[in-house]
Amino acid sequence: MMGEALHKEKCMWKPLELDGSSTKNGFSVTYEHRADIIQWLSDVSQQFQFYPEALALAVSLLDKFLCSVKVQLRYLKCVA
């Protein structure tokens, strides 16, 4: 039963795919940009004394959003 669940999770899980090789029209978000924005989210979370789970959820949602929508770098902080 556990093996089936792990296999199903492995098939469904997709890693974050950020392509840092091309920066056409400012749409490329690299891992460095992601790290910067997550650091900013962490600072905001600490300032407003949010629970750590809120930060984890925000990062998860940001990753899913970045995988499905092209975001211009100048709007990345607004998206976060």
N, C-alpha and C. Protein backbone atom coordinates (compact mmCIF):
# COMPACT_ATOMS: atom_id res chain seq x y z
N MET A 1 0.82 -1.19 0.00
CA MET A 1 0.00 0.00 0.00
C MET A 1 0.87 1.26 0.00
N MET A 2 1.87 1.27 0.86
CA MET A 2 2.76 2.43 0.92
C MET A 2 3.56 2.55 -0.36
N GLY A 3 3.96 1.42 -0.92
CA GLY A 3 4.71 1.43 -2.17
C GLY A 3 3.89 2.01 -3.31
N GLU A 4 2.60 1.67 -3.34
CA GLU A 4 1.72 2.21 -4.37
C GLU A 4 1.58 3.73 -4.23
N ALA A 5 1.44 4.18 -3.00
CA ALA A 5 1.30 5.62 -2.75
C ALA A 5 2.56 6.36 -3.16
N LEU A 6 3.72 5.79 -2.84
CA LEU A 6 4.98 6.42 -3.22
C LEU A 6 5.15 6.46 -4.73
N HIS A 7 4.76 5.38 -5.39
CA HIS A 7 4.85 5.34 -6.86
C HIS A 7 3.92 6.38 -7.48
N LYS A 8 2.72 6.49 -6.96
CA LYS A 8 1.76 7.48 -7.47
C LYS A 8 2.29 8.89 -7.27
N GLU A 9 2.85 9.16 -6.09
CA GLU A 9 3.41 10.48 -5.80
C GLU A 9 4.59 10.78 -6.73
N LYS A 10 5.42 9.79 -6.99
CA LYS A 10 6.57 9.98 -7.88
C LYS A 10 6.12 10.32 -9.29
N CYS A 11 5.05 9.68 -9.74
CA CYS A 11 4.54 9.95 -11.09
C CYS A 11 3.89 11.33 -11.19
N MET A 12 3.27 11.78 -10.11
CA MET A 12 2.55 13.06 -10.14
C MET A 12 3.47 14.25 -9.87
N TRP A 13 4.56 14.05 -9.14
CA TRP A 13 5.41 15.15 -8.73
C TRP A 13 6.25 15.63 -9.90
N LYS A 14 6.25 16.94 -10.10
CA LYS A 14 7.06 17.53 -11.16
C LYS A 14 7.99 18.56 -10.52
N PRO A 15 9.28 18.47 -10.80
CA PRO A 15 10.21 19.44 -10.22
C PRO A 15 10.01 20.82 -10.83
N LEU A 16 10.43 21.83 -10.09
CA LEU A 16 10.37 23.20 -10.57
C LEU A 16 11.34 23.34 -11.73
N GLU A 17 10.83 23.81 -12.86
CA GLU A 17 11.66 23.95 -14.06
C GLU A 17 11.76 25.42 -14.43
N LEU A 18 12.79 26.06 -13.94
CA LEU A 18 13.05 27.44 -14.29
C LEU A 18 14.19 27.45 -15.29
N ASP A 19 13.95 28.01 -16.45
CA ASP A 19 14.95 28.04 -17.51
C ASP A 19 15.70 29.36 -17.43
N GLY A 20 16.93 29.30 -16.95
CA GLY A 20 17.72 30.51 -16.84
C GLY A 20 18.58 30.79 -18.05
N SER A 21 18.42 29.99 -19.09
CA SER A 21 19.30 30.14 -20.25
C SER A 21 18.86 31.27 -21.18
N SER A 22 17.57 31.56 -21.24
CA SER A 22 17.11 32.61 -22.14
C SER A 22 16.37 33.69 -21.36
N THR A 23 16.61 34.92 -21.75
CA THR A 23 15.96 36.04 -21.07
C THR A 23 15.18 36.87 -22.07
N LYS A 24 14.41 36.22 -22.92
CA LYS A 24 13.65 36.93 -23.94
C LYS A 24 12.55 37.75 -23.28
N ASN A 25 12.51 39.03 -23.62
CA ASN A 25 11.47 39.94 -23.17
C ASN A 25 11.37 40.04 -21.65
N GLY A 26 12.43 39.70 -20.93
CA GLY A 26 12.43 39.80 -19.48
C GLY A 26 11.54 38.77 -18.79
N PHE A 27 11.21 37.67 -19.46
CA PHE A 27 10.30 36.69 -18.89
C PHE A 27 11.02 35.56 -18.16
N SER A 28 12.32 35.51 -18.21
CA SER A 28 13.03 34.39 -17.61
C SER A 28 13.27 34.63 -16.12
N VAL A 29 12.76 33.73 -15.30
CA VAL A 29 12.98 33.79 -13.86
C VAL A 29 13.98 32.70 -13.53
N THR A 30 15.13 33.07 -13.01
CA THR A 30 16.17 32.11 -12.68
C THR A 30 16.05 31.69 -11.22
N TYR A 31 16.86 30.71 -10.83
CA TYR A 31 16.88 30.28 -9.44
C TYR A 31 17.37 31.41 -8.52
N GLU A 32 18.24 32.27 -9.04
CA GLU A 32 18.70 33.40 -8.23
C GLU A 32 17.57 34.38 -7.96
N HIS A 33 16.75 34.64 -8.99
CA HIS A 33 15.59 35.51 -8.78
C HIS A 33 14.63 34.89 -7.77
N ARG A 34 14.42 33.59 -7.90
CA ARG A 34 13.53 32.89 -6.98
C ARG A 34 14.07 32.97 -5.55
N ALA A 35 15.37 32.77 -5.39
CA ALA A 35 15.97 32.85 -4.06
C ALA A 35 15.81 34.24 -3.46
N ASP A 36 16.01 35.27 -4.28
CA ASP A 36 15.84 36.65 -3.80
C ASP A 36 14.41 36.91 -3.36
N ILE A 37 13.45 36.46 -4.14
CA ILE A 37 12.06 36.73 -3.82
C ILE A 37 11.62 35.92 -2.59
N ILE A 38 12.17 34.72 -2.42
CA ILE A 38 11.84 33.93 -1.23
C ILE A 38 12.46 34.57 0.01
N GLN A 39 13.64 35.14 -0.12
CA GLN A 39 14.24 35.87 1.00
C GLN A 39 13.37 37.06 1.37
N TRP A 40 12.87 37.77 0.37
CA TRP A 40 11.98 38.90 0.62
C TRP A 40 10.69 38.44 1.30
N LEU A 41 10.12 37.32 0.82
CA LEU A 41 8.91 36.77 1.46
C LEU A 41 9.18 36.39 2.91
N SER A 42 10.35 35.84 3.17
CA SER A 42 10.72 35.49 4.54
C SER A 42 10.81 36.72 5.43
N ASP A 43 11.40 37.78 4.91
CA ASP A 43 11.50 39.03 5.67
C ASP A 43 10.11 39.60 5.98
N VAL A 44 9.24 39.59 4.99
CA VAL A 44 7.87 40.09 5.18
C VAL A 44 7.14 39.21 6.19
N SER A 45 7.34 37.90 6.10
CA SER A 45 6.69 36.97 7.01
C SER A 45 7.13 37.23 8.45
N GLN A 46 8.41 37.48 8.65
CA GLN A 46 8.91 37.77 10.00
C GLN A 46 8.40 39.11 10.50
N GLN A 47 8.35 40.09 9.62
CA GLN A 47 7.89 41.42 10.01
C GLN A 47 6.43 41.39 10.50
N PHE A 48 5.59 40.62 9.82
CA PHE A 48 4.19 40.54 10.19
C PHE A 48 3.88 39.37 11.13
N GLN A 49 4.93 38.65 11.56
CA GLN A 49 4.82 37.55 12.51
C GLN A 49 3.84 36.47 12.04
N PHE A 50 3.97 36.09 10.76
CA PHE A 50 3.16 35.00 10.23
C PHE A 50 3.73 33.67 10.72
N TYR A 51 2.90 32.66 10.71
CA TYR A 51 3.37 31.31 11.04
C TYR A 51 4.29 30.80 9.94
N PRO A 52 5.24 29.93 10.29
CA PRO A 52 6.14 29.38 9.26
C PRO A 52 5.38 28.64 8.16
N GLU A 53 4.25 28.06 8.50
CA GLU A 53 3.45 27.34 7.51
C GLU A 53 2.95 28.28 6.42
N ALA A 54 2.68 29.53 6.79
CA ALA A 54 2.21 30.51 5.81
C ALA A 54 3.29 30.79 4.78
N LEU A 55 4.54 30.89 5.23
CA LEU A 55 5.65 31.11 4.31
C LEU A 55 5.83 29.90 3.39
N ALA A 56 5.76 28.71 3.96
CA ALA A 56 5.91 27.49 3.15
C ALA A 56 4.81 27.41 2.09
N LEU A 57 3.60 27.75 2.47
CA LEU A 57 2.49 27.73 1.52
C LEU A 57 2.68 28.78 0.44
N ALA A 58 3.16 29.97 0.83
CA ALA A 58 3.39 31.03 -0.16
C ALA A 58 4.46 30.61 -1.17
N VAL A 59 5.52 29.98 -0.71
CA VAL A 59 6.58 29.53 -1.61
C VAL A 59 6.06 28.44 -2.54
N SER A 60 5.28 27.53 -1.99
CA SER A 60 4.71 26.46 -2.82
C SER A 60 3.80 27.03 -3.91
N LEU A 61 2.95 27.97 -3.54
CA LEU A 61 2.06 28.60 -4.52
C LEU A 61 2.84 29.39 -5.55
N LEU A 62 3.88 30.08 -5.11
CA LEU A 62 4.72 30.84 -6.04
C LEU A 62 5.38 29.91 -7.06
N ASP A 63 5.90 28.79 -6.59
CA ASP A 63 6.54 27.83 -7.50
C ASP A 63 5.56 27.29 -8.53
N LYS A 64 4.38 26.94 -8.07
CA LYS A 64 3.37 26.42 -9.00
C LYS A 64 2.96 27.48 -10.01
N PHE A 65 2.83 28.71 -9.55
CA PHE A 65 2.45 29.81 -10.44
C PHE A 65 3.54 30.07 -11.47
N LEU A 66 4.80 30.09 -11.02
CA LEU A 66 5.91 30.36 -11.94
C LEU A 66 6.07 29.26 -12.98
N CYS A 67 5.68 28.04 -12.64
CA CYS A 67 5.76 26.95 -13.61
C CYS A 67 4.68 27.04 -14.68
N SER A 68 3.60 27.73 -14.38
CA SER A 68 2.49 27.74 -15.32
C SER A 68 2.27 29.08 -16.02
N VAL A 69 2.85 30.16 -15.51
CA VAL A 69 2.62 31.49 -16.07
C VAL A 69 3.97 32.19 -16.28
N LYS A 70 4.12 32.83 -17.42
CA LYS A 70 5.32 33.62 -17.67
C LYS A 70 5.18 34.95 -16.94
N VAL A 71 6.17 35.28 -16.13
CA VAL A 71 6.12 36.50 -15.32
C VAL A 71 7.30 37.38 -15.69
N GLN A 72 7.04 38.64 -15.96
CA GLN A 72 8.13 39.57 -16.19
C GLN A 72 8.82 39.83 -14.85
N LEU A 73 10.14 39.98 -14.91
CA LEU A 73 10.91 40.14 -13.68
C LEU A 73 10.47 41.36 -12.88
N ARG A 74 10.06 42.41 -13.55
CA ARG A 74 9.68 43.62 -12.82
C ARG A 74 8.38 43.42 -12.04
N TYR A 75 7.60 42.38 -12.37
CA TYR A 75 6.36 42.11 -11.65
C TYR A 75 6.48 40.94 -10.68
N LEU A 76 7.66 40.39 -10.54
CA LEU A 76 7.84 39.19 -9.72
C LEU A 76 7.47 39.45 -8.26
N LYS A 77 7.85 40.59 -7.73
CA LYS A 77 7.54 40.90 -6.34
C LYS A 77 6.04 41.07 -6.15
N CYS A 78 5.35 41.61 -7.13
CA CYS A 78 3.89 41.75 -7.05
C CYS A 78 3.22 40.38 -7.04
N VAL A 79 3.74 39.47 -7.83
CA VAL A 79 3.18 38.12 -7.87
C VAL A 79 3.39 37.43 -6.53
N ALA A 80 4.58 37.61 -5.95
CA ALA A 80 4.89 36.97 -4.67
C ALA A 80 4.02 37.54 -3.58
